[in-house]
Amino acid sequence: MEIRIGIQHSPREIVIESEEKADALLERLSGAIADGTPVSLVDDKGRTVLIPGEKVAYAEVSTEEPRRVGFLG
């Protein structure tokens, strides 16, 4: 799944591809935002990103859908 996180006062967003379950990730992220504590996320290549919870502007989690091929009609 793809995770996009906007940070306050930053023109760029953080984009991470992760194998973690969306529900568990959103729970950890919302807890960090509420407490103002940092949260660490691990992408599908094993890299770790530390995000300050008090600076998160928004988070968008999208599940992967298979690409459709063909025409509707």
PDB file of N, CA and C in Angstrom:
ATOM      1  N   MET A   1       0.838  -1.167   0.000  1.00  0.00           N
ATOM      2  CA  MET A   1       0.000   0.000   0.000  1.00  0.00           C
ATOM      3  C   MET A   1       0.883   1.230   0.000  1.00  0.00           C
ATOM      4  N   GLU A   2       0.336   2.316  -0.484  1.00  0.00           N
ATOM      5  CA  GLU A   2       1.074   3.573  -0.542  1.00  0.00           C
ATOM      6  C   GLU A   2       0.582   4.503   0.557  1.00  0.00           C
ATOM      7  N   ILE A   3       1.529   5.122   1.258  1.00  0.00           N
ATOM      8  CA  ILE A   3       1.219   6.056   2.331  1.00  0.00           C
ATOM      9  C   ILE A   3       1.811   7.408   1.959  1.00  0.00           C
ATOM     10  N   ARG A   4       0.989   8.450   1.970  1.00  0.00           N
ATOM     11  CA  ARG A   4       1.448   9.819   1.709  1.00  0.00           C
ATOM     12  C   ARG A   4       1.199  10.624   2.977  1.00  0.00           C
ATOM     13  N   ILE A   5       2.255  11.260   3.470  1.00  0.00           N
ATOM     14  CA  ILE A   5       2.150  12.040   4.706  1.00  0.00           C
ATOM     15  C   ILE A   5       2.639  13.447   4.428  1.00  0.00           C
ATOM     16  N   GLY A   6       1.794  14.416   4.722  1.00  0.00           N
ATOM     17  CA  GLY A   6       2.164  15.821   4.601  1.00  0.00           C
ATOM     18  C   GLY A   6       2.666  16.327   5.933  1.00  0.00           C
ATOM     19  N   ILE A   7       3.754  17.073   5.891  1.00  0.00           N
ATOM     20  CA  ILE A   7       4.348  17.641   7.096  1.00  0.00           C
ATOM     21  C   ILE A   7       4.116  19.150   7.070  1.00  0.00           C
ATOM     22  N   GLN A   8       3.723  19.717   8.218  1.00  0.00           N
ATOM     23  CA  GLN A   8       3.471  21.155   8.312  1.00  0.00           C
ATOM     24  C   GLN A   8       4.717  21.940   7.916  1.00  0.00           C
ATOM     25  N   HIS A   9       4.527  23.031   7.192  1.00  0.00           N
ATOM     26  CA  HIS A   9       5.590  23.947   6.770  1.00  0.00           C
ATOM     27  C   HIS A   9       6.628  23.274   5.872  1.00  0.00           C
ATOM     28  N   SER A  10       6.243  22.219   5.194  1.00  0.00           N
ATOM     29  CA  SER A  10       7.124  21.538   4.254  1.00  0.00           C
ATOM     30  C   SER A  10       6.413  21.429   2.911  1.00  0.00           C
ATOM     31  N   PRO A  11       7.055  21.845   1.830  1.00  0.00           N
ATOM     32  CA  PRO A  11       6.388  21.809   0.529  1.00  0.00           C
ATOM     33  C   PRO A  11       6.273  20.411  -0.069  1.00  0.00           C
ATOM     34  N   ARG A  12       7.020  19.451   0.440  1.00  0.00           N
ATOM     35  CA  ARG A  12       6.988  18.099  -0.108  1.00  0.00           C
ATOM     36  C   ARG A  12       6.331  17.145   0.881  1.00  0.00           C
ATOM     37  N   GLU A  13       5.755  16.090   0.346  1.00  0.00           N
ATOM     38  CA  GLU A  13       5.153  15.073   1.200  1.00  0.00           C
ATOM     39  C   GLU A  13       6.053  13.844   1.236  1.00  0.00           C
ATOM     40  N   ILE A  14       5.882  13.032   2.257  1.00  0.00           N
ATOM     41  CA  ILE A  14       6.622  11.785   2.389  1.00  0.00           C
ATOM     42  C   ILE A  14       5.768  10.689   1.773  1.00  0.00           C
ATOM     43  N   VAL A  15       6.346   9.916   0.863  1.00  0.00           N
ATOM     44  CA  VAL A  15       5.629   8.822   0.200  1.00  0.00           C
ATOM     45  C   VAL A  15       6.366   7.531   0.505  1.00  0.00           C
ATOM     46  N   ILE A  16       5.637   6.562   1.064  1.00  0.00           N
ATOM     47  CA  ILE A  16       6.224   5.285   1.465  1.00  0.00           C
ATOM     48  C   ILE A  16       5.363   4.149   0.928  1.00  0.00           C
ATOM     49  N   GLU A  17       5.988   3.129   0.394  1.00  0.00           N
ATOM     50  CA  GLU A  17       5.309   1.882   0.027  1.00  0.00           C
ATOM     51  C   GLU A  17       5.558   0.910   1.172  1.00  0.00           C
ATOM     52  N   SER A  18       4.508   0.345   1.747  1.00  0.00           N
ATOM     53  CA  SER A  18       4.656  -0.525   2.906  1.00  0.00           C
ATOM     54  C   SER A  18       3.770  -1.755   2.786  1.00  0.00           C
ATOM     55  N   GLU A  19       4.197  -2.811   3.442  1.00  0.00           N
ATOM     56  CA  GLU A  19       3.423  -4.055   3.493  1.00  0.00           C
ATOM     57  C   GLU A  19       2.572  -4.128   4.760  1.00  0.00           C
ATOM     58  N   GLU A  20       2.681  -3.135   5.631  1.00  0.00           N
ATOM     59  CA  GLU A  20       1.948  -3.122   6.893  1.00  0.00           C
ATOM     60  C   GLU A  20       0.452  -2.969   6.649  1.00  0.00           C
ATOM     61  N   LYS A  21      -0.356  -3.540   7.524  1.00  0.00           N
ATOM     62  CA  LYS A  21      -1.812  -3.430   7.415  1.00  0.00           C
ATOM     63  C   LYS A  21      -2.258  -1.989   7.627  1.00  0.00           C
ATOM     64  N   ALA A  22      -3.215  -1.536   6.840  1.00  0.00           N
ATOM     65  CA  ALA A  22      -3.684  -0.149   6.888  1.00  0.00           C
ATOM     66  C   ALA A  22      -4.266   0.215   8.251  1.00  0.00           C
ATOM     67  N   ASP A  23      -5.036  -0.677   8.848  1.00  0.00           N
ATOM     68  CA  ASP A  23      -5.663  -0.381  10.145  1.00  0.00           C
ATOM     69  C   ASP A  23      -4.621  -0.166  11.231  1.00  0.00           C
ATOM     70  N   ALA A  24      -3.618  -1.036  11.287  1.00  0.00           N
ATOM     71  CA  ALA A  24      -2.573  -0.928  12.303  1.00  0.00           C
ATOM     72  C   ALA A  24      -1.748   0.339  12.092  1.00  0.00           C
ATOM     73  N   LEU A  25      -1.469   0.657  10.852  1.00  0.00           N
ATOM     74  CA  LEU A  25      -0.685   1.846  10.545  1.00  0.00           C
ATOM     75  C   LEU A  25      -1.436   3.114  10.928  1.00  0.00           C
ATOM     76  N   LEU A  26      -2.711   3.190  10.581  1.00  0.00           N
ATOM     77  CA  LEU A  26      -3.511   4.368  10.925  1.00  0.00           C
ATOM     78  C   LEU A  26      -3.659   4.531  12.432  1.00  0.00           C
ATOM     79  N   GLU A  27      -3.763   3.423  13.148  1.00  0.00           N
ATOM     80  CA  GLU A  27      -3.867   3.487  14.605  1.00  0.00           C
ATOM     81  C   GLU A  27      -2.582   4.048  15.219  1.00  0.00           C
ATOM     82  N   ARG A  28      -1.433   3.570  14.745  1.00  0.00           N
ATOM     83  CA  ARG A  28      -0.148   4.074  15.249  1.00  0.00           C
ATOM     84  C   ARG A  28       0.037   5.543  14.902  1.00  0.00           C
ATOM     85  N   LEU A  29      -0.329   5.915  13.687  1.00  0.00           N
ATOM     86  CA  LEU A  29      -0.167   7.289  13.236  1.00  0.00           C
ATOM     87  C   LEU A  29      -1.084   8.245  13.992  1.00  0.00           C
ATOM     88  N   SER A  30      -2.329   7.863  14.189  1.00  0.00           N
ATOM     89  CA  SER A  30      -3.254   8.736  14.921  1.00  0.00           C
ATOM     90  C   SER A  30      -2.859   8.854  16.393  1.00  0.00           C
ATOM     91  N   GLY A  31      -2.313   7.798  16.976  1.00  0.00           N
ATOM     92  CA  GLY A  31      -1.810   7.873  18.350  1.00  0.00           C
ATOM     93  C   GLY A  31      -0.638   8.832  18.466  1.00  0.00           C
ATOM     94  N   ALA A  32       0.263   8.799  17.493  1.00  0.00           N
ATOM     95  CA  ALA A  32       1.417   9.702  17.492  1.00  0.00           C
ATOM     96  C   ALA A  32       0.979  11.154  17.309  1.00  0.00           C
ATOM     97  N   ILE A  33      -0.026  11.373  16.476  1.00  0.00           N
ATOM     98  CA  ILE A  33      -0.530  12.735  16.268  1.00  0.00           C
ATOM     99  C   ILE A  33      -1.184  13.252  17.544  1.00  0.00           C
ATOM    100  N   ALA A  34      -1.980  12.405  18.205  1.00  0.00           N
ATOM    101  CA  ALA A  34      -2.673  12.808  19.429  1.00  0.00           C
ATOM    102  C   ALA A  34      -1.685  13.093  20.563  1.00  0.00           C
ATOM    103  N   ASP A  35      -0.634  12.266  20.678  1.00  0.00           N
ATOM    104  CA  ASP A  35       0.340  12.418  21.759  1.00  0.00           C
ATOM    105  C   ASP A  35       1.448  13.415  21.425  1.00  0.00           C
ATOM    106  N   GLY A  36       1.637  13.698  20.125  1.00  0.00           N
ATOM    107  CA  GLY A  36       2.735  14.558  19.714  1.00  0.00           C
ATOM    108  C   GLY A  36       4.079  13.857  19.753  1.00  0.00           C
ATOM    109  N   THR A  37       4.052  12.535  19.684  1.00  0.00           N
ATOM    110  CA  THR A  37       5.289  11.747  19.723  1.00  0.00           C
ATOM    111  C   THR A  37       5.671  11.297  18.320  1.00  0.00           C
ATOM    112  N   PRO A  38       6.945  10.997  18.095  1.00  0.00           N
ATOM    113  CA  PRO A  38       7.357  10.509  16.773  1.00  0.00           C
ATOM    114  C   PRO A  38       6.854   9.093  16.512  1.00  0.00           C
ATOM    115  N   VAL A  39       6.678   8.776  15.240  1.00  0.00           N
ATOM    116  CA  VAL A  39       6.282   7.430  14.830  1.00  0.00           C
ATOM    117  C   VAL A  39       7.260   6.980  13.749  1.00  0.00           C
ATOM    118  N   SER A  40       7.664   5.718  13.799  1.00  0.00           N
ATOM    119  CA  SER A  40       8.576   5.208  12.779  1.00  0.00           C
ATOM    120  C   SER A  40       7.806   4.272  11.856  1.00  0.00           C
ATOM    121  N   LEU A  41       8.057   4.432  10.558  1.00  0.00           N
ATOM    122  CA  LEU A  41       7.435   3.600   9.540  1.00  0.00           C
ATOM    123  C   LEU A  41       8.531   2.897   8.759  1.00  0.00           C
ATOM    124  N   VAL A  42       8.287   1.656   8.389  1.00  0.00           N
ATOM    125  CA  VAL A  42       9.253   0.876   7.622  1.00  0.00           C
ATOM    126  C   VAL A  42       8.651   0.595   6.257  1.00  0.00           C
ATOM    127  N   ASP A  43       9.405   0.927   5.197  1.00  0.00           N
ATOM    128  CA  ASP A  43       8.896   0.689   3.850  1.00  0.00           C
ATOM    129  C   ASP A  43       9.175  -0.742   3.415  1.00  0.00           C
ATOM    130  N   ASP A  44       8.721  -1.097   2.220  1.00  0.00           N
ATOM    131  CA  ASP A  44       8.844  -2.473   1.752  1.00  0.00           C
ATOM    132  C   ASP A  44      10.275  -2.867   1.395  1.00  0.00           C
ATOM    133  N   LYS A  45      11.215  -1.919   1.406  1.00  0.00           N
ATOM    134  CA  LYS A  45      12.626  -2.220   1.162  1.00  0.00           C
ATOM    135  C   LYS A  45      13.432  -2.266   2.453  1.00  0.00           C
ATOM    136  N   GLY A  46      12.752  -2.096   3.594  1.00  0.00           N
ATOM    137  CA  GLY A  46      13.411  -2.176   4.887  1.00  0.00           C
ATOM    138  C   GLY A  46      13.933  -0.858   5.432  1.00  0.00           C
ATOM    139  N   ARG A  47      13.705   0.240   4.729  1.00  0.00           N
ATOM    140  CA  ARG A  47      14.148   1.552   5.219  1.00  0.00           C
ATOM    141  C   ARG A  47      13.167   2.067   6.262  1.00  0.00           C
ATOM    142  N   THR A  48      13.712   2.745   7.278  1.00  0.00           N
ATOM    143  CA  THR A  48      12.890   3.296   8.353  1.00  0.00           C
ATOM    144  C   THR A  48      12.839   4.812   8.240  1.00  0.00           C
ATOM    145  N   VAL A  49      11.631   5.356   8.395  1.00  0.00           N
ATOM    146  CA  VAL A  49      11.418   6.802   8.370  1.00  0.00           C
ATOM    147  C   VAL A  49      10.807   7.189   9.704  1.00  0.00           C
ATOM    148  N   LEU A  50      11.394   8.181  10.360  1.00  0.00           N
ATOM    149  CA  LEU A  50      10.884   8.689  11.629  1.00  0.00           C
ATOM    150  C   LEU A  50      10.146   9.990  11.355  1.00  0.00           C
ATOM    151  N   ILE A  51       8.882  10.045  11.749  1.00  0.00           N
ATOM    152  CA  ILE A  51       8.024  11.191  11.456  1.00  0.00           C
ATOM    153  C   ILE A  51       7.567  11.824  12.770  1.00  0.00           C
ATOM    154  N   PRO A  52       7.750  13.145  12.924  1.00  0.00           N
ATOM    155  CA  PRO A  52       7.303  13.812  14.145  1.00  0.00           C
ATOM    156  C   PRO A  52       5.778  13.924  14.166  1.00  0.00           C
ATOM    157  N   GLY A  53       5.151  13.325  15.147  1.00  0.00           N
ATOM    158  CA  GLY A  53       3.692  13.297  15.236  1.00  0.00           C
ATOM    159  C   GLY A  53       3.059  14.658  15.340  1.00  0.00           C
ATOM    160  N   GLU A  54       3.733  15.610  16.010  1.00  0.00           N
ATOM    161  CA  GLU A  54       3.138  16.938  16.176  1.00  0.00           C
ATOM    162  C   GLU A  54       3.194  17.769  14.905  1.00  0.00           C
ATOM    163  N   LYS A  55       3.935  17.329  13.886  1.00  0.00           N
ATOM    164  CA  LYS A  55       4.070  18.088  12.634  1.00  0.00           C
ATOM    165  C   LYS A  55       3.284  17.496  11.462  1.00  0.00           C
ATOM    166  N   VAL A  56       2.538  16.418  11.695  1.00  0.00           N
ATOM    167  CA  VAL A  56       1.793  15.784  10.601  1.00  0.00           C
ATOM    168  C   VAL A  56       0.590  16.654  10.236  1.00  0.00           C
ATOM    169  N   ALA A  57       0.505  17.028   8.957  1.00  0.00           N
ATOM    170  CA  ALA A  57      -0.615  17.830   8.472  1.00  0.00           C
ATOM    171  C   ALA A  57      -1.742  16.927   7.976  1.00  0.00           C
ATOM    172  N   TYR A  58      -1.378  15.845   7.252  1.00  0.00           N
ATOM    173  CA  TYR A  58      -2.373  14.895   6.759  1.00  0.00           C
ATOM    174  C   TYR A  58      -1.687  13.577   6.448  1.00  0.00           C
ATOM    175  N   ALA A  59      -2.482  12.531   6.369  1.00  0.00           N
ATOM    176  CA  ALA A  59      -1.986  11.213   5.984  1.00  0.00           C
ATOM    177  C   ALA A  59      -3.008  10.582   5.054  1.00  0.00           C
ATOM    178  N   GLU A  60      -2.522  10.047   3.954  1.00  0.00           N
ATOM    179  CA  GLU A  60      -3.381   9.394   2.968  1.00  0.00           C
ATOM    180  C   GLU A  60      -2.870   7.974   2.771  1.00  0.00           C
ATOM    181  N   VAL A  61      -3.732   7.006   3.020  1.00  0.00           N
ATOM    182  CA  VAL A  61      -3.368   5.596   2.858  1.00  0.00           C
ATOM    183  C   VAL A  61      -4.228   5.026   1.742  1.00  0.00           C
ATOM    184  N   SER A  62      -3.574   4.502   0.724  1.00  0.00           N
ATOM    185  CA  SER A  62      -4.326   3.922  -0.394  1.00  0.00           C
ATOM    186  C   SER A  62      -3.967   2.458  -0.533  1.00  0.00           C
ATOM    187  N   THR A  63      -4.980   1.648  -0.670  1.00  0.00           N
ATOM    188  CA  THR A  63      -4.746   0.230  -0.900  1.00  0.00           C
ATOM    189  C   THR A  63      -4.512   0.019  -2.382  1.00  0.00           C
ATOM    190  N   GLU A  64      -3.751  -0.983  -2.697  1.00  0.00           N
ATOM    191  CA  GLU A  64      -3.438  -1.243  -4.093  1.00  0.00           C
ATOM    192  C   GLU A  64      -4.583  -1.978  -4.758  1.00  0.00           C
ATOM    193  N   GLU A  65      -4.960  -1.505  -5.921  1.00  0.00           N
ATOM    194  CA  GLU A  65      -5.964  -2.178  -6.737  1.00  0.00           C
ATOM    195  C   GLU A  65      -5.290  -2.664  -8.008  1.00  0.00           C
ATOM    196  N   PRO A  66      -5.680  -3.802  -8.500  1.00  0.00           N
ATOM    197  CA  PRO A  66      -5.087  -4.228  -9.768  1.00  0.00           C
ATOM    198  C   PRO A  66      -5.494  -3.287 -10.880  1.00  0.00           C
ATOM    199  N   ARG A  67      -4.560  -3.027 -11.780  1.00  0.00           N
ATOM    200  CA  ARG A  67      -4.885  -2.137 -12.906  1.00  0.00           C
ATOM    201  C   ARG A  67      -5.821  -2.834 -13.870  1.00  0.00           C
ATOM    202  N   ARG A  68      -6.798  -2.088 -14.313  1.00  0.00           N
ATOM    203  CA  ARG A  68      -7.782  -2.648 -15.235  1.00  0.00           C
ATOM    204  C   ARG A  68      -7.285  -2.485 -16.666  1.00  0.00           C
ATOM    205  N   VAL A  69      -7.525  -3.490 -17.443  1.00  0.00           N
ATOM    206  CA  VAL A  69      -7.114  -3.462 -18.840  1.00  0.00           C
ATOM    207  C   VAL A  69      -8.364  -3.676 -19.685  1.00  0.00           C
ATOM    208  N   GLY A  70      -8.507  -2.905 -20.735  1.00  0.00           N
ATOM    209  CA  GLY A  70      -9.647  -3.080 -21.606  1.00  0.00           C
ATOM    210  C   GLY A  70     -10.561  -1.884 -21.574  1.00  0.00           C
ATOM    211  N   PHE A  71     -11.667  -2.034 -22.252  1.00  0.00           N
ATOM    212  CA  PHE A  71     -12.639  -0.955 -22.370  1.00  0.00           C
ATOM    213  C   PHE A  71     -13.966  -1.393 -21.777  1.00  0.00           C
ATOM    214  N   LEU A  72     -14.649  -0.453 -21.175  1.00  0.00           N
ATOM    215  CA  LEU A  72     -15.992  -0.710 -20.673  1.00  0.00           C
ATOM    216  C   LEU A  72     -16.970  -0.301 -21.768  1.00  0.00           C
ATOM    217  N   GLY A  73     -17.982  -1.022 -21.891  1.00  0.00           N
ATOM    218  CA  GLY A  73     -18.923  -0.575 -22.895  1.00  0.00           C
ATOM    219  C   GLY A  73     -19.819  -1.638 -23.293  1.00  0.00           C
TER     220      GLY A  73
END
